[in-house]
N, C-alpha and C. Protein backbone atom coordinates (compact mmCIF):
# COMPACT_ATOMS: atom_id res chain seq x y z
N MET A 1 -12.68 27.18 105.87
CA MET A 1 -12.72 26.13 106.87
C MET A 1 -13.52 24.74 106.30
N ILE A 2 -14.75 24.86 105.95
CA ILE A 2 -15.53 24.09 105.63
C ILE A 2 -14.84 23.00 104.72
N TYR A 3 -13.93 23.36 103.99
CA TYR A 3 -13.22 22.26 103.05
C TYR A 3 -12.30 21.49 104.02
N TYR A 4 -11.55 22.27 104.86
CA TYR A 4 -10.68 20.95 106.13
C TYR A 4 -12.01 20.02 106.48
N LEU A 5 -12.61 20.28 106.98
CA LEU A 5 -13.97 19.42 107.36
C LEU A 5 -14.12 18.38 106.56
N CYS A 6 -14.38 19.14 105.37
CA CYS A 6 -14.38 17.85 104.43
C CYS A 6 -12.98 16.65 104.19
N PHE A 7 -12.15 17.35 104.24
CA PHE A 7 -10.91 16.66 103.75
C PHE A 7 -10.61 15.71 105.44
N LEU A 8 -11.08 16.26 106.63
CA LEU A 8 -10.97 15.44 107.63
C LEU A 8 -12.01 14.59 107.79
N VAL A 9 -13.40 14.25 107.23
CA VAL A 9 -13.88 13.42 107.18
C VAL A 9 -13.58 12.14 106.34
N PHE A 10 -13.00 12.94 105.13
CA PHE A 10 -12.77 12.14 103.85
C PHE A 10 -11.22 11.19 104.59
N LEU A 11 -10.33 11.90 105.57
CA LEU A 11 -9.20 11.08 106.20
C LEU A 11 -9.64 9.92 107.31
N ILE A 12 -11.18 10.24 108.06
CA ILE A 12 -11.87 9.51 108.77
C ILE A 12 -12.08 8.06 107.98
N GLY A 13 -12.87 8.48 107.24
CA GLY A 13 -13.22 7.13 105.79
C GLY A 13 -12.13 6.47 105.61
N VAL A 14 -11.00 7.16 105.29
CA VAL A 14 -9.78 6.44 104.80
C VAL A 14 -9.40 5.20 106.03
N TYR A 15 -9.20 5.93 106.88
CA TYR A 15 -8.61 5.04 108.24
C TYR A 15 -9.69 4.17 108.49
N GLY A 16 -11.01 4.37 108.64
CA GLY A 16 -11.74 2.98 108.55
C GLY A 16 -11.72 2.21 107.43
N ALA A 17 -11.58 2.58 106.28
CA ALA A 17 -11.32 1.95 105.08
C ALA A 17 -9.87 0.80 105.11
N LEU A 18 -9.16 1.58 105.64
CA LEU A 18 -7.83 0.80 105.54
C LEU A 18 -7.22 -0.15 106.63
N CYS A 19 -7.49 0.65 107.90
CA CYS A 19 -7.31 0.41 109.15
C CYS A 19 -8.05 -0.91 109.80
N LYS A 20 -9.43 -0.69 109.59
CA LYS A 20 -9.88 -1.63 110.10
C LYS A 20 -10.06 -2.98 109.72
N LYS A 21 -10.49 -4.25 110.52
CA LYS A 21 -10.62 -5.56 110.00
C LYS A 21 -11.86 -5.98 110.52
N ASN A 22 -13.06 -4.91 110.66
CA ASN A 22 -14.22 -5.72 110.43
C ASN A 22 -14.77 -5.05 108.95
N ILE A 23 -15.85 -6.01 108.41
CA ILE A 23 -15.98 -5.61 107.20
C ILE A 23 -17.02 -4.65 107.10
N VAL A 24 -17.82 -4.39 108.27
CA VAL A 24 -19.12 -3.33 108.48
C VAL A 24 -18.44 -2.15 108.66
N LYS A 25 -17.24 -1.99 109.55
CA LYS A 25 -16.41 -0.79 109.50
C LYS A 25 -15.64 -0.07 108.41
N ILE A 26 -15.44 -1.11 107.60
CA ILE A 26 -14.87 -0.80 106.13
C ILE A 26 -15.75 -0.06 105.43
N ILE A 27 -17.04 -0.81 105.52
CA ILE A 27 -18.06 -0.69 104.44
C ILE A 27 -18.69 1.15 104.95
N LEU A 28 -18.21 1.29 106.63
CA LEU A 28 -18.89 2.82 107.35
C LEU A 28 -17.63 3.66 106.37
N GLY A 29 -16.61 3.12 106.38
CA GLY A 29 -15.25 3.88 106.30
C GLY A 29 -15.62 4.41 104.86
N LEU A 30 -15.80 3.76 103.56
CA LEU A 30 -16.00 4.14 102.23
C LEU A 30 -17.37 5.05 102.24
N MET A 31 -18.12 4.85 103.09
CA MET A 31 -19.16 5.66 103.03
C MET A 31 -19.04 7.20 103.43
N LEU A 32 -18.02 6.95 104.55
CA LEU A 32 -17.65 8.18 105.01
C LEU A 32 -17.02 9.07 103.81
N MET A 33 -15.98 8.37 103.12
CA MET A 33 -15.32 9.25 101.87
C MET A 33 -16.36 9.25 100.74
N GLU A 34 -17.44 9.00 100.85
CA GLU A 34 -18.52 9.05 99.68
C GLU A 34 -19.23 10.13 100.07
N TYR A 35 -19.72 10.51 101.08
CA TYR A 35 -20.09 11.53 101.78
C TYR A 35 -19.58 12.84 101.70
N ALA A 36 -18.31 12.44 101.95
CA ALA A 36 -17.08 13.60 102.14
C ALA A 36 -16.75 14.27 100.53
N VAL A 37 -16.93 13.53 100.04
CA VAL A 37 -16.87 14.09 98.27
C VAL A 37 -17.77 14.81 97.70
N ASN A 38 -18.95 14.36 98.13
CA ASN A 38 -20.09 14.58 97.75
C ASN A 38 -20.33 15.94 98.36
N LEU A 39 -19.93 16.03 99.62
CA LEU A 39 -20.18 17.45 100.47
C LEU A 39 -19.01 18.79 99.58
N PHE A 40 -18.09 18.02 99.27
CA PHE A 40 -16.96 18.91 98.83
C PHE A 40 -17.50 19.41 97.58
N ILE A 41 -18.18 18.42 96.26
CA ILE A 41 -18.98 18.86 95.24
C ILE A 41 -19.98 19.69 95.53
N VAL A 42 -20.63 19.59 96.48
CA VAL A 42 -21.81 20.65 96.61
C VAL A 42 -20.83 22.17 96.95
N LEU A 43 -19.93 21.82 97.77
CA LEU A 43 -19.67 23.15 98.34
C LEU A 43 -18.93 24.16 96.99
N VAL A 44 -18.08 23.00 95.91
CA VAL A 44 -17.76 24.11 94.94
C VAL A 44 -18.61 24.62 94.32
N GLY A 45 -19.96 24.25 94.38
CA GLY A 45 -21.07 25.30 93.35
C GLY A 45 -21.74 26.35 94.40
N TYR A 46 -21.30 26.45 95.56
CA TYR A 46 -21.64 27.42 96.57
C TYR A 46 -21.26 28.52 96.40
N ARG A 47 -22.50 29.40 96.36
CA ARG A 47 -22.21 31.27 96.42
C ARG A 47 -22.80 31.81 97.32
N LYS A 48 -21.86 32.51 98.36
CA LYS A 48 -22.72 33.18 99.23
C LYS A 48 -23.60 34.25 98.73
N GLY A 49 -24.72 34.22 99.33
CA GLY A 49 -25.91 35.14 98.89
C GLY A 49 -26.49 34.86 97.53
N GLY A 50 -26.35 33.63 97.00
CA GLY A 50 -26.88 33.18 95.96
C GLY A 50 -28.41 32.82 95.70
N ILE A 51 -28.25 33.04 94.81
CA ILE A 51 -30.06 32.72 94.18
C ILE A 51 -30.25 31.56 93.73
N ALA A 52 -31.33 30.94 93.53
CA ALA A 52 -31.69 29.76 92.56
C ALA A 52 -31.39 29.93 91.52
N PRO A 53 -30.90 28.95 90.45
CA PRO A 53 -30.97 29.24 89.08
C PRO A 53 -31.81 29.15 88.53
N ILE A 54 -33.14 30.20 88.82
CA ILE A 54 -34.32 30.20 87.94
C ILE A 54 -34.23 31.57 87.67
N MET A 55 -34.32 31.93 86.20
CA MET A 55 -34.34 33.52 85.85
C MET A 55 -35.69 33.92 85.66
N ASN A 56 -35.89 35.16 86.02
CA ASN A 56 -37.52 35.74 86.16
C ASN A 56 -37.35 37.20 85.31
N LYS A 57 -38.24 37.46 84.77
CA LYS A 57 -38.28 38.64 83.43
C LYS A 57 -37.81 39.90 84.11
N SER A 58 -37.64 40.27 85.73
CA SER A 58 -37.27 41.42 86.08
C SER A 58 -35.65 41.44 86.12
N MET A 59 -35.13 40.71 85.85
CA MET A 59 -33.64 40.24 86.17
C MET A 59 -32.76 40.34 84.50
N SER A 60 -31.80 41.50 84.72
CA SER A 60 -30.98 41.16 83.57
C SER A 60 -30.06 39.75 83.80
N LEU A 61 -29.43 39.39 82.22
CA LEU A 61 -28.77 38.35 82.33
C LEU A 61 -27.60 38.41 82.82
N SER A 62 -26.97 39.34 83.23
CA SER A 62 -25.62 39.84 83.65
C SER A 62 -25.80 39.72 85.41
N GLU A 63 -26.82 40.15 86.00
CA GLU A 63 -27.44 40.11 87.32
C GLU A 63 -27.31 38.62 87.67
N PHE A 64 -28.28 37.89 86.88
CA PHE A 64 -28.82 36.59 86.90
C PHE A 64 -27.50 35.79 87.12
N VAL A 65 -26.51 35.83 86.21
CA VAL A 65 -25.43 35.36 86.16
C VAL A 65 -24.20 35.64 87.41
N SER A 66 -24.29 36.56 87.90
CA SER A 66 -23.41 37.24 88.87
C SER A 66 -23.86 36.46 90.45
N LYS A 67 -25.66 36.41 90.20
CA LYS A 67 -26.13 35.87 91.40
C LYS A 67 -26.23 34.52 92.02
N SER A 68 -26.85 34.03 90.95
CA SER A 68 -27.10 32.51 90.83
C SER A 68 -26.06 31.57 91.00
N VAL A 69 -26.52 30.76 91.89
CA VAL A 69 -25.70 29.42 92.02
C VAL A 69 -25.45 28.46 90.71
N ASP A 70 -24.54 27.43 90.91
CA ASP A 70 -24.21 26.79 89.55
C ASP A 70 -25.14 25.37 90.09
N PRO A 71 -26.08 25.29 89.11
CA PRO A 71 -26.71 24.01 89.15
C PRO A 71 -26.05 22.30 88.82
N LEU A 72 -24.87 22.63 88.19
CA LEU A 72 -24.10 21.35 87.99
C LEU A 72 -23.75 20.32 88.96
N PRO A 73 -23.05 21.22 90.10
CA PRO A 73 -22.54 20.19 90.91
C PRO A 73 -23.72 19.15 91.88
N GLN A 74 -24.85 20.21 91.89
CA GLN A 74 -25.78 19.57 92.81
C GLN A 74 -26.53 18.54 91.69
N ALA A 75 -26.40 18.18 90.50
CA ALA A 75 -26.72 17.45 89.57
C ALA A 75 -25.74 16.12 89.88
N PHE A 76 -24.64 16.36 89.58
CA PHE A 76 -23.75 15.30 90.06
C PHE A 76 -23.65 14.55 91.15
N VAL A 77 -23.96 15.27 92.12
CA VAL A 77 -23.97 14.79 93.74
C VAL A 77 -25.54 13.84 93.67
N LEU A 78 -26.46 14.34 93.12
CA LEU A 78 -27.63 13.66 92.92
C LEU A 78 -27.21 12.13 92.58
N THR A 79 -26.73 12.10 91.18
CA THR A 79 -26.18 11.27 90.42
C THR A 79 -25.61 10.29 91.41
N SER A 80 -24.38 10.80 91.79
CA SER A 80 -23.84 9.99 93.06
C SER A 80 -24.54 9.38 94.08
N ILE A 81 -24.86 9.79 94.89
CA ILE A 81 -25.92 9.37 95.93
C ILE A 81 -26.65 8.05 95.26
N VAL A 82 -27.21 8.32 94.29
CA VAL A 82 -27.93 7.12 93.49
C VAL A 82 -27.14 5.76 93.45
N ILE A 83 -26.04 6.25 92.51
CA ILE A 83 -24.85 5.07 92.60
C ILE A 83 -24.39 4.59 93.71
N GLY A 84 -24.03 5.37 94.67
CA GLY A 84 -23.61 5.18 95.99
C GLY A 84 -24.54 4.25 96.72
N LEU A 85 -26.05 4.59 96.54
CA LEU A 85 -26.53 3.61 97.22
C LEU A 85 -27.12 2.29 96.76
N GLY A 86 -26.92 2.06 95.34
CA GLY A 86 -26.58 0.95 94.85
C GLY A 86 -25.23 -0.08 95.06
N ILE A 87 -24.29 0.91 95.16
CA ILE A 87 -22.93 0.07 95.70
C ILE A 87 -23.12 -0.36 97.41
N LEU A 88 -23.50 0.40 97.67
CA LEU A 88 -23.97 0.36 99.33
C LEU A 88 -24.63 -0.91 99.54
N SER A 89 -25.74 -1.30 98.52
CA SER A 89 -26.53 -2.17 98.94
C SER A 89 -26.03 -3.46 98.36
N LEU A 90 -24.84 -3.36 97.42
CA LEU A 90 -24.02 -4.53 97.01
C LEU A 90 -22.80 -4.71 98.11
N MET A 91 -22.61 -3.97 98.63
CA MET A 91 -21.66 -4.12 99.62
C MET A 91 -21.88 -4.75 100.56
N VAL A 92 -23.42 -4.48 101.27
CA VAL A 92 -24.08 -5.00 102.36
C VAL A 92 -24.45 -6.46 101.83
N ALA A 93 -25.19 -6.65 101.04
CA ALA A 93 -25.44 -8.23 100.49
C ALA A 93 -23.98 -9.14 100.52
N VAL A 94 -22.94 -8.54 100.18
CA VAL A 94 -21.32 -9.46 99.94
C VAL A 94 -21.12 -9.48 101.74
N ALA A 95 -21.41 -8.54 102.40
CA ALA A 95 -21.09 -8.79 103.49
C ALA A 95 -21.94 -9.82 104.47
N ILE A 96 -23.34 -9.81 104.13
CA ILE A 96 -24.12 -10.76 104.84
C ILE A 96 -23.53 -12.24 104.23
N ARG A 97 -23.45 -12.67 102.88
CA ARG A 97 -23.06 -13.62 102.23
C ARG A 97 -21.71 -14.20 103.08
N LEU A 98 -21.04 -13.39 103.31
CA LEU A 98 -19.67 -13.68 104.14
C LEU A 98 -19.70 -14.12 105.36
N TYR A 99 -20.96 -13.26 105.98
CA TYR A 99 -20.86 -13.86 107.25
C TYR A 99 -21.78 -14.74 107.49
N GLU A 100 -22.55 -15.21 106.52
CA GLU A 100 -23.25 -16.57 106.37
C GLU A 100 -22.13 -17.83 106.08
N ARG A 101 -21.12 -17.34 105.60
CA ARG A 101 -20.48 -18.50 105.10
C ARG A 101 -19.50 -18.73 105.85
N TYR A 102 -18.73 -17.49 106.83
CA TYR A 102 -17.77 -17.57 107.95
C TYR A 102 -18.03 -17.72 109.15
N GLY A 103 -19.09 -17.15 109.15
CA GLY A 103 -19.94 -16.47 110.92
C GLY A 103 -19.45 -15.56 111.08
N THR A 104 -18.36 -14.63 110.55
CA THR A 104 -17.57 -13.73 111.27
C THR A 104 -17.52 -12.90 110.45
N PHE A 105 -17.29 -11.38 111.12
CA PHE A 105 -17.20 -10.39 110.12
C PHE A 105 -15.85 -9.88 109.76
N ASP A 106 -14.72 -10.25 110.71
CA ASP A 106 -13.44 -10.06 111.14
C ASP A 106 -12.74 -10.67 109.79
N ILE A 107 -11.86 -9.98 108.79
CA ILE A 107 -11.31 -10.48 107.41
C ILE A 107 -10.10 -11.36 108.25
N THR A 108 -9.38 -11.06 109.45
CA THR A 108 -8.38 -11.96 109.43
C THR A 108 -8.62 -13.33 110.08
N GLU A 109 -10.12 -13.49 110.60
CA GLU A 109 -10.44 -14.70 110.42
C GLU A 109 -10.99 -15.37 109.04
N MET A 110 -11.53 -14.48 108.36
CA MET A 110 -11.59 -15.08 107.09
C MET A 110 -10.68 -15.68 106.29
N LYS A 111 -9.72 -15.11 106.37
CA LYS A 111 -8.04 -15.20 105.72
C LYS A 111 -7.43 -16.85 106.50
N LYS A 112 -8.13 -17.02 108.04
CA LYS A 112 -7.35 -18.12 108.71
C LYS A 112 -8.62 -19.32 107.74
N LEU A 113 -9.38 -19.12 107.66
CA LEU A 113 -10.32 -20.32 107.26
C LEU A 113 -10.45 -20.70 105.57
N ARG A 114 -9.33 -20.44 104.96
CA ARG A 114 -9.42 -20.52 103.43
C ARG A 114 -9.26 -22.15 103.89
N GLY A 115 -9.36 -22.76 102.54
CA GLY A 115 -9.31 -23.76 102.42
C GLY A 115 -10.15 -24.52 101.36
């Protein structure tokens, strides 16, 4: 069920990125898509009743492997969040520069002002 919600959030982000004319709304749509993908990757590594991937001396190896969650998707998501923050700051900086130049966030107005 939660996978469908991830897909729904992703589709809302696609709608915002493709159908909206405001640059700020486009950036928010791209952010929603990124967050949906990050949530999906974390859910892939989830295990119901799982334990942290830290082995203690009282556990056997087979018990540890059967109960622990996969830490690799979590590491990928942390890396993705950092990269996404850099991309977001770049998109906001470009949006600010476009607003300073054209005086609007509307893409259709910017196309009309070519010259």
